[in-house]
C-alpha atoms as a PDB file:
ATOM      1  CA  MET A   1     123.006  66.559  46.284  1.00  0.00           C
ATOM      2  CA  ARG A   2     124.968  69.198  44.416  1.00  0.00           C
ATOM      3  CA  GLU A   3     128.265  68.044  46.222  1.00  0.00           C
ATOM      4  CA  VAL A   4     127.543  64.405  45.596  1.00  0.00           C
ATOM      5  CA  ALA A   5     127.161  65.060  41.826  1.00  0.00           C
ATOM      6  CA  ARG A   6     130.420  67.123  41.984  1.00  0.00           C
ATOM      7  CA  LEU A   7     132.180  64.289  43.614  1.00  0.00           C
ATOM      8  CA  GLN A   8     130.842  61.717  40.998  1.00  0.00           C
ATOM      9  CA  GLY A   9     132.094  64.085  38.208  1.00  0.00           C
ATOM     10  CA  HIS A  10     135.517  64.366  39.653  1.00  0.00           C
ATOM     11  CA  LEU A  11     135.887  60.496  40.248  1.00  0.00           C
ATOM     12  CA  ARG A  12     134.868  59.867  36.633  1.00  0.00           C
ATOM     13  CA  GLN A  13     137.960  61.780  35.590  1.00  0.00           C
ATOM     14  CA  LEU A  14     140.334  59.491  37.195  1.00  0.00           C
ATOM     15  CA  GLY A  15     139.814  56.367  35.196  1.00  0.00           C
ATOM     16  CA  ARG A  16     139.782  53.016  36.895  1.00  0.00           C
ATOM     17  CA  VAL A  17     139.935  53.756  40.623  1.00  0.00           C
ATOM     18  CA  LEU A  18     141.261  51.835  43.602  1.00  0.00           C
ATOM     19  CA  LEU A  19     140.306  53.145  47.081  1.00  0.00           C
ATOM     20  CA  GLY A  20     142.022  52.417  50.306  1.00  0.00           C
ATOM     21  CA  TYR A  21     138.981  51.742  52.320  1.00  0.00           C
ATOM     22  CA  SER A  22     138.776  51.718  56.108  1.00  0.00           C
ATOM     23  CA  GLY A  23     135.040  52.193  56.754  1.00  0.00           C
ATOM     24  CA  GLY A  24     135.267  55.646  58.305  1.00  0.00           C
ATOM     25  CA  VAL A  25     132.801  58.077  57.049  1.00  0.00           C
ATOM     26  CA  ASP A  26     135.307  59.662  54.588  1.00  0.00           C
ATOM     27  CA  SER A  27     136.199  56.510  52.842  1.00  0.00           C
ATOM     28  CA  ALA A  28     132.666  55.195  53.192  1.00  0.00           C
ATOM     29  CA  LEU A  29     131.407  58.232  51.180  1.00  0.00           C
ATOM     30  CA  LEU A  30     134.013  57.672  48.498  1.00  0.00           C
ATOM     31  CA  ALA A  31     133.048  53.754  48.408  1.00  0.00           C
ATOM     32  CA  VAL A  32     129.385  54.577  47.934  1.00  0.00           C
ATOM     33  CA  VAL A  33     129.805  57.430  45.509  1.00  0.00           C
ATOM     34  CA  GLY A  34     132.541  55.700  43.575  1.00  0.00           C
ATOM     35  CA  THR A  35     130.502  52.511  43.084  1.00  0.00           C
ATOM     36  CA  GLU A  36     127.635  54.613  41.809  1.00  0.00           C
ATOM     37  CA  ALA A  37     129.736  56.737  39.522  1.00  0.00           C
ATOM     38  CA  LEU A  38     132.145  54.161  38.048  1.00  0.00           C
ATOM     39  CA  GLY A  39     130.516  50.851  38.496  1.00  0.00           C
ATOM     40  CA  PRO A  40     132.022  47.564  39.542  1.00  0.00           C
ATOM     41  CA  GLU A  41     134.326  47.285  36.454  1.00  0.00           C
ATOM     42  CA  ARG A  42     136.003  50.519  37.194  1.00  0.00           C
ATOM     43  CA  PHE A  43     135.995  50.837  40.971  1.00  0.00           C
ATOM     44  CA  LEU A  44     137.384  48.685  43.883  1.00  0.00           C
ATOM     45  CA  ALA A  45     137.547  49.371  47.579  1.00  0.00           C
ATOM     46  CA  VAL A  46     140.386  47.479  49.375  1.00  0.00           C
ATOM     47  CA  ILE A  47     140.608  46.967  53.127  1.00  0.00           C
ATOM     48  CA  GLY A  48     144.150  46.652  54.537  1.00  0.00           C
ATOM     49  CA  LYS A  49     143.910  44.508  57.608  1.00  0.00           C
ATOM     50  CA  SER A  50     146.374  44.224  60.302  1.00  0.00           C
ATOM     51  CA  ALA A  51     146.250  44.049  64.177  1.00  0.00           C
ATOM     52  CA  SER A  52     146.171  47.853  64.420  1.00  0.00           C
ATOM     53  CA  TYR A  53     142.810  47.927  62.442  1.00  0.00           C
ATOM     54  CA  PRO A  54     139.909  48.120  64.958  1.00  0.00           C
ATOM     55  CA  GLU A  55     137.497  45.086  64.685  1.00  0.00           C
ATOM     56  CA  VAL A  56     134.455  47.422  65.005  1.00  0.00           C
ATOM     57  CA  GLN A  57     135.740  49.442  62.121  1.00  0.00           C
ATOM     58  CA  TYR A  58     136.252  46.295  60.155  1.00  0.00           C
ATOM     59  CA  ARG A  59     132.748  45.197  60.706  1.00  0.00           C
ATOM     60  CA  THR A  60     131.426  48.720  59.810  1.00  0.00           C
ATOM     61  CA  ALA A  61     133.340  48.590  56.497  1.00  0.00           C
ATOM     62  CA  LEU A  62     131.809  45.281  55.669  1.00  0.00           C
ATOM     63  CA  ALA A  63     128.305  46.452  56.436  1.00  0.00           C
ATOM     64  CA  VAL A  64     128.541  49.653  54.361  1.00  0.00           C
ATOM     65  CA  ALA A  65     129.940  47.744  51.359  1.00  0.00           C
ATOM     66  CA  GLU A  66     127.267  44.901  51.635  1.00  0.00           C
ATOM     67  CA  ARG A  67     124.499  47.699  51.895  1.00  0.00           C
ATOM     68  CA  PHE A  68     125.583  49.654  48.927  1.00  0.00           C
ATOM     69  CA  GLY A  69     127.009  46.792  46.693  1.00  0.00           C
ATOM     70  CA  VAL A  70     130.498  48.175  46.807  1.00  0.00           C
ATOM     71  CA  PRO A  71     133.052  46.000  45.026  1.00  0.00           C
ATOM     72  CA  LEU A  72     135.455  44.875  48.001  1.00  0.00           C
ATOM     73  CA  ARG A  73     138.696  43.103  48.572  1.00  0.00           C
ATOM     74  CA  GLU A  74     140.606  42.392  51.769  1.00  0.00           C
ATOM     75  CA  MET A  75     144.441  42.181  51.888  1.00  0.00           C
ATOM     76  CA  ASP A  76     146.716  41.669  54.881  1.00  0.00           C
ATOM     77  CA  THR A  77     149.369  44.541  55.726  1.00  0.00           C
ATOM     78  CA  TYR A  78     152.455  43.994  57.792  1.00  0.00           C
ATOM     79  CA  GLU A  79     153.525  47.262  59.285  1.00  0.00           C
ATOM     80  CA  LEU A  80     153.934  45.575  62.635  1.00  0.00           C
ATOM     81  CA  GLU A  81     156.941  43.583  61.123  1.00  0.00           C
ATOM     82  CA  ASP A  82     158.653  47.018  60.400  1.00  0.00           C
ATOM     83  CA  PRO A  83     161.017  47.952  63.363  1.00  0.00           C
ATOM     84  CA  ARG A  84     160.528  51.561  62.554  1.00  0.00           C
ATOM     85  CA  TYR A  85     156.770  51.371  62.802  1.00  0.00           C
ATOM     86  CA  ARG A  86     157.021  49.301  66.189  1.00  0.00           C
ATOM     87  CA  ALA A  87     159.211  51.834  67.780  1.00  0.00           C
ATOM     88  CA  ASN A  88     156.423  54.278  67.565  1.00  0.00           C
ATOM     89  CA  PRO A  89     158.095  57.544  66.625  1.00  0.00           C
ATOM     90  CA  VAL A  90     155.979  60.598  66.193  1.00  0.00           C
ATOM     91  CA  ASP A  91     155.978  59.813  62.406  1.00  0.00           C
ATOM     92  CA  ARG A  92     154.789  56.220  62.903  1.00  0.00           C
ATOM     93  CA  CYS A  93     151.850  56.707  60.611  1.00  0.00           C
ATOM     94  CA  TYR A  94     154.185  57.270  57.656  1.00  0.00           C
ATOM     95  CA  PHE A  95     155.423  53.684  57.911  1.00  0.00           C
ATOM     96  CA  CYS A  96     151.970  52.235  58.107  1.00  0.00           C
ATOM     97  CA  LYS A  97     150.795  54.250  55.127  1.00  0.00           C
ATOM     98  CA  ALA A  98     153.925  53.522  53.221  1.00  0.00           C
ATOM     99  CA  GLU A  99     153.254  49.780  53.605  1.00  0.00           C
ATOM    100  CA  LEU A 100     149.519  50.095  52.663  1.00  0.00           C
ATOM    101  CA  TRP A 101     150.263  52.137  49.564  1.00  0.00           C
ATOM    102  CA  THR A 102     153.061  49.926  48.459  1.00  0.00           C
ATOM    103  CA  ARG A 103     150.652  46.959  48.368  1.00  0.00           C
ATOM    104  CA  LEU A 104     147.702  48.646  46.995  1.00  0.00           C
ATOM    105  CA  SER A 105     149.745  50.352  44.251  1.00  0.00           C
ATOM    106  CA  SER A 106     151.067  46.883  43.291  1.00  0.00           C
ATOM    107  CA  VAL A 107     147.555  45.734  42.831  1.00  0.00           C
ATOM    108  CA  ALA A 108     146.600  48.801  40.789  1.00  0.00           C
ATOM    109  CA  ARG A 109     149.506  48.231  38.391  1.00  0.00           C
ATOM    110  CA  ALA A 110     148.802  44.449  38.143  1.00  0.00           C
ATOM    111  CA  GLU A 111     145.148  44.935  37.483  1.00  0.00           C
ATOM    112  CA  GLY A 112     145.097  47.998  35.267  1.00  0.00           C
ATOM    113  CA  PHE A 113     143.724  50.673  37.739  1.00  0.00           C
ATOM    114  CA  ASP A 114     144.631  54.142  36.804  1.00  0.00           C
ATOM    115  CA  THR A 115     144.321  55.896  40.217  1.00  0.00           C
ATOM    116  CA  VAL A 116     144.758  55.044  43.881  1.00  0.00           C
ATOM    117  CA  ILE A 117     142.756  57.266  46.134  1.00  0.00           C
ATOM    118  CA  ASP A 118     142.270  57.733  49.950  1.00  0.00           C
ATOM    119  CA  GLY A 119     139.723  59.430  52.250  1.00  0.00           C
ATOM    120  CA  THR A 120     141.774  62.534  53.210  1.00  0.00           C
ATOM    121  CA  ASN A 121     139.499  65.500  53.497  1.00  0.00           C
ATOM    122  CA  ALA A 122     140.196  69.291  53.340  1.00  0.00           C
ATOM    123  CA  ASP A 123     140.295  69.547  57.113  1.00  0.00           C
ATOM    124  CA  ASP A 124     143.058  66.974  57.590  1.00  0.00           C
ATOM    125  CA  GLY A 125     145.918  69.130  56.451  1.00  0.00           C
ATOM    126  CA  ARG A 126     145.537  71.132  59.666  1.00  0.00           C
ATOM    127  CA  GLU A 127     146.607  68.148  61.648  1.00  0.00           C
ATOM    128  CA  HIS A 128     149.666  66.198  62.388  1.00  0.00           C
ATOM    129  CA  ARG A 129     149.425  63.497  59.566  1.00  0.00           C
ATOM    130  CA  PRO A 130     152.739  61.984  58.458  1.00  0.00           C
ATOM    131  CA  GLY A 131     150.868  59.527  56.552  1.00  0.00           C
ATOM    132  CA  MET A 132     150.029  62.105  54.069  1.00  0.00           C
ATOM    133  CA  VAL A 133     153.707  62.238  53.013  1.00  0.00           C
ATOM    134  CA  ALA A 134     153.617  58.579  52.062  1.00  0.00           C
ATOM    135  CA  GLY A 135     150.554  59.127  50.074  1.00  0.00           C
ATOM    136  CA  ALA A 136     152.208  61.842  48.108  1.00  0.00           C
ATOM    137  CA  GLU A 137     155.158  59.740  47.529  1.00  0.00           C
ATOM    138  CA  TRP A 138     153.073  57.032  46.038  1.00  0.00           C
ATOM    139  CA  ARG A 139     150.883  59.541  44.107  1.00  0.00           C
ATOM    140  CA  VAL A 140     147.715  58.731  45.955  1.00  0.00           C
ATOM    141  CA  ARG A 141     144.927  61.075  45.218  1.00  0.00           C
ATOM    142  CA  SER A 142     142.675  62.518  47.755  1.00  0.00           C
ATOM    143  CA  PRO A 143     139.398  63.592  46.002  1.00  0.00           C
ATOM    144  CA  LEU A 144     137.631  64.936  49.047  1.00  0.00           C
ATOM    145  CA  ALA A 145     140.453  67.311  49.785  1.00  0.00           C
ATOM    146  CA  GLU A 146     140.984  68.171  46.099  1.00  0.00           C
ATOM    147  CA  LEU A 147     137.259  69.390  46.086  1.00  0.00           C
ATOM    148  CA  GLY A 148     137.682  71.223  49.364  1.00  0.00           C
ATOM    149  CA  LEU A 149     135.265  69.042  51.234  1.00  0.00           C
ATOM    150  CA  GLY A 150     135.731  69.168  54.926  1.00  0.00           C
ATOM    151  CA  LYS A 151     134.287  66.864  57.576  1.00  0.00           C
ATOM    152  CA  ALA A 152     130.972  68.650  58.191  1.00  0.00           C
ATOM    153  CA  VAL A 153     130.090  68.679  54.465  1.00  0.00           C
ATOM    154  CA  ILE A 154     131.079  65.103  54.101  1.00  0.00           C
ATOM    155  CA  ARG A 155     128.791  63.973  56.941  1.00  0.00           C
ATOM    156  CA  ASP A 156     125.944  65.931  55.337  1.00  0.00           C
ATOM    157  CA  MET A 157     126.689  64.109  52.078  1.00  0.00           C
ATOM    158  CA  ALA A 158     126.866  60.671  53.802  1.00  0.00           C
ATOM    159  CA  ARG A 159     123.493  61.487  55.491  1.00  0.00           C
ATOM    160  CA  GLU A 160     121.823  62.354  52.198  1.00  0.00           C
ATOM    161  CA  LEU A 161     122.879  59.032  50.706  1.00  0.00           C
ATOM    162  CA  GLY A 162     121.558  57.046  53.666  1.00  0.00           C
ATOM    163  CA  ILE A 163     125.050  55.931  54.881  1.00  0.00           C
ATOM    164  CA  ALA A 164     124.147  54.909  58.491  1.00  0.00           C
ATOM    165  CA  ILE A 165     127.600  55.964  59.943  1.00  0.00           C
ATOM    166  CA  TRP A 166     127.331  59.470  58.836  1.00  0.00           C
ATOM    167  CA  ASP A 167     127.616  60.751  62.385  1.00  0.00           C
ATOM    168  CA  ALA A 168     129.916  57.942  63.615  1.00  0.00           C
ATOM    169  CA  PRO A 169     132.784  59.151  65.886  1.00  0.00           C
ATOM    170  CA  ALA A 170     136.277  59.000  64.259  1.00  0.00           C
ATOM    171  CA  ALA A 171     137.960  55.653  64.641  1.00  0.00           C
ATOM    172  CA  PRO A 172     141.628  55.818  63.645  1.00  0.00           C
ATOM    173  CA  CYS A 173     144.128  52.867  64.051  1.00  0.00           C
ATOM    174  CA  LEU A 174     144.660  51.518  67.422  1.00  0.00           C
ATOM    175  CA  SER A 175     148.333  52.329  67.381  1.00  0.00           C
ATOM    176  CA  SER A 176     147.339  56.069  67.610  1.00  0.00           C
ATOM    177  CA  ARG A 177     146.315  55.480  71.288  1.00  0.00           C
ATOM    178  CA  ILE A 178     149.773  54.228  72.293  1.00  0.00           C
ATOM    179  CA  ARG A 179     152.119  56.937  73.692  1.00  0.00           C
ATOM    180  CA  TYR A 180     154.880  57.950  71.358  1.00  0.00           C
ATOM    181  CA  GLY A 181     158.178  55.913  72.124  1.00  0.00           C
ATOM    182  CA  LEU A 182     156.232  53.057  73.817  1.00  0.00           C
ATOM    183  CA  PRO A 183     156.684  50.151  71.177  1.00  0.00           C
ATOM    184  CA  VAL A 184     153.631  49.139  69.553  1.00  0.00           C
ATOM    185  CA  THR A 185     152.916  45.392  70.122  1.00  0.00           C
ATOM    186  CA  GLU A 186     149.827  43.228  69.399  1.00  0.00           C
ATOM    187  CA  ALA A 187     149.241  42.869  73.151  1.00  0.00           C
ATOM    188  CA  ARG A 188     149.106  46.733  73.613  1.00  0.00           C
ATOM    189  CA  LEU A 189     146.752  46.950  70.583  1.00  0.00           C
ATOM    190  CA  ARG A 190     144.403  44.386  72.135  1.00  0.00           C
ATOM    191  CA  GLN A 191     144.450  46.292  75.495  1.00  0.00           C
ATOM    192  CA  VAL A 192     143.422  49.400  73.851  1.00  0.00           C
ATOM    193  CA  GLU A 193     140.806  47.733  71.779  1.00  0.00           C
ATOM    194  CA  ALA A 194     139.315  45.829  74.764  1.00  0.00           C
ATOM    195  CA  GLY A 195     139.356  48.904  77.025  1.00  0.00           C
ATOM    196  CA  GLU A 196     137.392  50.961  74.489  1.00  0.00           C
ATOM    197  CA  ALA A 197     134.930  48.080  74.019  1.00  0.00           C
ATOM    198  CA  LEU A 198     134.376  47.961  77.747  1.00  0.00           C
ATOM    199  CA  LEU A 199     133.590  51.515  77.878  1.00  0.00           C
ATOM    200  CA  ARG A 200     131.038  51.301  74.896  1.00  0.00           C
ATOM    201  CA  GLU A 201     129.474  48.261  76.818  1.00  0.00           C
ATOM    202  CA  ILE A 202     128.635  50.429  79.692  1.00  0.00           C
ATOM    203  CA  GLY A 203     126.962  52.968  77.442  1.00  0.00           C
ATOM    204  CA  VAL A 204     129.670  55.649  76.943  1.00  0.00           C
ATOM    205  CA  ALA A 205     128.748  57.575  73.805  1.00  0.00           C
ATOM    206  CA  GLY A 206     130.492  59.906  71.485  1.00  0.00           C
ATOM    207  CA  ASP A 207     134.224  60.224  70.894  1.00  0.00           C
ATOM    208  CA  LEU A 208     136.405  58.376  73.291  1.00  0.00           C
ATOM    209  CA  ARG A 209     139.959  57.161  73.479  1.00  0.00           C
ATOM    210  CA  VAL A 210     141.967  54.698  75.738  1.00  0.00           C
ATOM    211  CA  ARG A 211     145.430  56.226  75.888  1.00  0.00           C
ATOM    212  CA  HIS A 212     147.997  53.630  76.547  1.00  0.00           C
ATOM    213  CA  LEU A 213     150.701  55.101  78.742  1.00  0.00           C
ATOM    214  CA  GLY A 214     152.599  51.947  79.782  1.00  0.00           C
ATOM    215  CA  ASP A 215     151.246  50.689  83.050  1.00  0.00           C
ATOM    216  CA  ARG A 216     148.538  53.416  83.077  1.00  0.00           C
ATOM    217  CA  ALA A 217     145.529  53.950  80.903  1.00  0.00           C
ATOM    218  CA  SER A 218     144.117  57.462  80.418  1.00  0.00           C
ATOM    219  CA  LEU A 219     140.536  57.624  79.406  1.00  0.00           C
ATOM    220  CA  GLU A 220     139.346  60.593  77.182  1.00  0.00           C
ATOM    221  CA  VAL A 221     135.577  61.032  76.940  1.00  0.00           C
ATOM    222  CA  VAL A 222     133.408  63.868  75.801  1.00  0.00           C
ATOM    223  CA  PRO A 223     132.448  65.954  78.982  1.00  0.00           C
ATOM    224  CA  ALA A 224     128.858  64.942  78.695  1.00  0.00           C
ATOM    225  CA  GLU A 225     130.042  61.394  79.582  1.00  0.00           C
ATOM    226  CA  PHE A 226     132.000  62.255  82.791  1.00  0.00           C
ATOM    227  CA  ALA A 227     129.226  61.449  84.997  1.00  0.00           C
ATOM    228  CA  ARG A 228     128.746  57.982  83.502  1.00  0.00           C
ATOM    229  CA  LEU A 229     132.337  57.141  84.041  1.00  0.00           C
ATOM    230  CA  ASP A 230     132.195  58.402  87.661  1.00  0.00           C
ATOM    231  CA  GLU A 231     129.246  56.361  88.423  1.00  0.00           C
ATOM    232  CA  ARG A 232     130.867  53.108  87.025  1.00  0.00           C
ATOM    233  CA  TRP A 233     134.385  53.809  88.087  1.00  0.00           C
ATOM    234  CA  SER A 234     134.943  50.872  90.293  1.00  0.00           C
ATOM    235  CA  GLU A 235     133.774  48.551  87.523  1.00  0.00           C
ATOM    236  CA  ILE A 236     136.026  50.390  85.100  1.00  0.00           C
ATOM    237  CA  THR A 237     139.070  50.223  87.436  1.00  0.00           C
ATOM    238  CA  ALA A 238     138.495  46.411  87.929  1.00  0.00           C
ATOM    239  CA  GLY A 239     138.027  45.944  84.122  1.00  0.00           C
ATOM    240  CA  PHE A 240     141.262  47.632  83.164  1.00  0.00           C
ATOM    241  CA  ARG A 241     143.300  45.813  85.916  1.00  0.00           C
ATOM    242  CA  GLN A 242     141.985  42.572  84.220  1.00  0.00           C
ATOM    243  CA  LEU A 243     143.310  43.855  80.984  1.00  0.00           C
ATOM    244  CA  GLY A 244     146.731  44.298  82.548  1.00  0.00           C
ATOM    245  CA  PHE A 245     146.864  47.995  83.434  1.00  0.00           C
ATOM    246  CA  GLU A 246     148.182  48.869  86.917  1.00  0.00           C
ATOM    247  CA  SER A 247     146.040  52.010  87.098  1.00  0.00           C
ATOM    248  CA  VAL A 248     143.455  53.921  85.145  1.00  0.00           C
ATOM    249  CA  GLU A 249     142.583  57.617  85.212  1.00  0.00           C
ATOM    250  CA  ARG A 250     139.865  59.920  83.704  1.00  0.00           C
ATOM    251  CA  ASP A 251     141.416  62.801  81.778  1.00  0.00           C
ATOM    252  CA  ALA A 252     139.899  65.856  83.263  1.00  0.00           C
ATOM    253  CA  ARG A 253     140.137  67.800  79.953  1.00  0.00           C
ATOM    254  CA  GLY A 254     138.019  65.368  78.078  1.00  0.00           C
ATOM    255  CA  TYR A 255     138.526  63.868  74.638  1.00  0.00           C
ATOM    256  CA  ARG A 256     140.681  65.897  72.178  1.00  0.00           C
ATOM    257  CA  ARG A 257     142.460  64.925  69.007  1.00  0.00           C
ATOM    258  CA  GLY A 258     146.163  64.640  69.126  1.00  0.00           C
ATOM    259  CA  SER A 259     146.625  64.588  72.848  1.00  0.00           C
ATOM    260  CA  LEU A 260     149.570  62.134  72.716  1.00  0.00           C
ATOM    261  CA  LEU A 261     151.306  64.674  70.505  1.00  0.00           C
ATOM    262  CA  VAL A 262     150.943  67.327  73.025  1.00  0.00           C
ATOM    263  CA  LEU A 263     152.214  64.988  75.564  1.00  0.00           C
ATOM    264  CA  GLU A 264     155.267  64.212  73.584  1.00  0.00           C
ATOM    265  CA  ALA A 265     155.963  67.892  73.009  1.00  0.00           C
ATOM    266  CA  ALA A 266     155.850  68.531  76.822  1.00  0.00           C
ATOM    267  CA  GLY A 267     158.328  65.832  77.400  1.00  0.00           C
END
């Protein structure tokens, strides 16, 4: 529990703290540790809800908050009303985070919170994350990154604390599945969400993504799940056609982070 104690001490130095809470393992760890370290008078977790926020992630966030007594609030965010976000450029995440931090910073000022924090960890700086620029502009703190805590250590900490999702696959916003340059719409977000739900319903485990390529869907799963997809391929094809895709394919390279960015770079 040494790292947990270190995180508690770090959070106590930040005054009254407001967390941008998604329900992933990083923000869940901060929500649980922050509640314990600061108490309900000095800590608040806020969920920003929009069409790009996966329903399964929302339910997970609520369950963790209920289990550990996390002070929780929900607020709507409106990034889909921003034409820059809808256009889906490679820095789309910047506009989403700018919307989130604008609203959360307003709450923080109005209610006397000293610090707004997020779940960015020490590994995230190695990836394409334009949303971190927005965080820096709004002076959002990242305690996990500041302490040098990467994903593996964070999962160990969450397991030690009994956070059930300690080993859950990453679940970024649904817009991250839509090919860059293809406009983000609620209809496309729902197609992606329903497609991933279909794969989970047939038993696909581990990390997966439904990549929305327009008329096509590309399915990325871990190699251990290839056989399951192949066995159920006719069912999968029929299901994705019902969702409005003309065709569906299994990516032979399997799940990998940032594959749409590689596709964009390839032209």
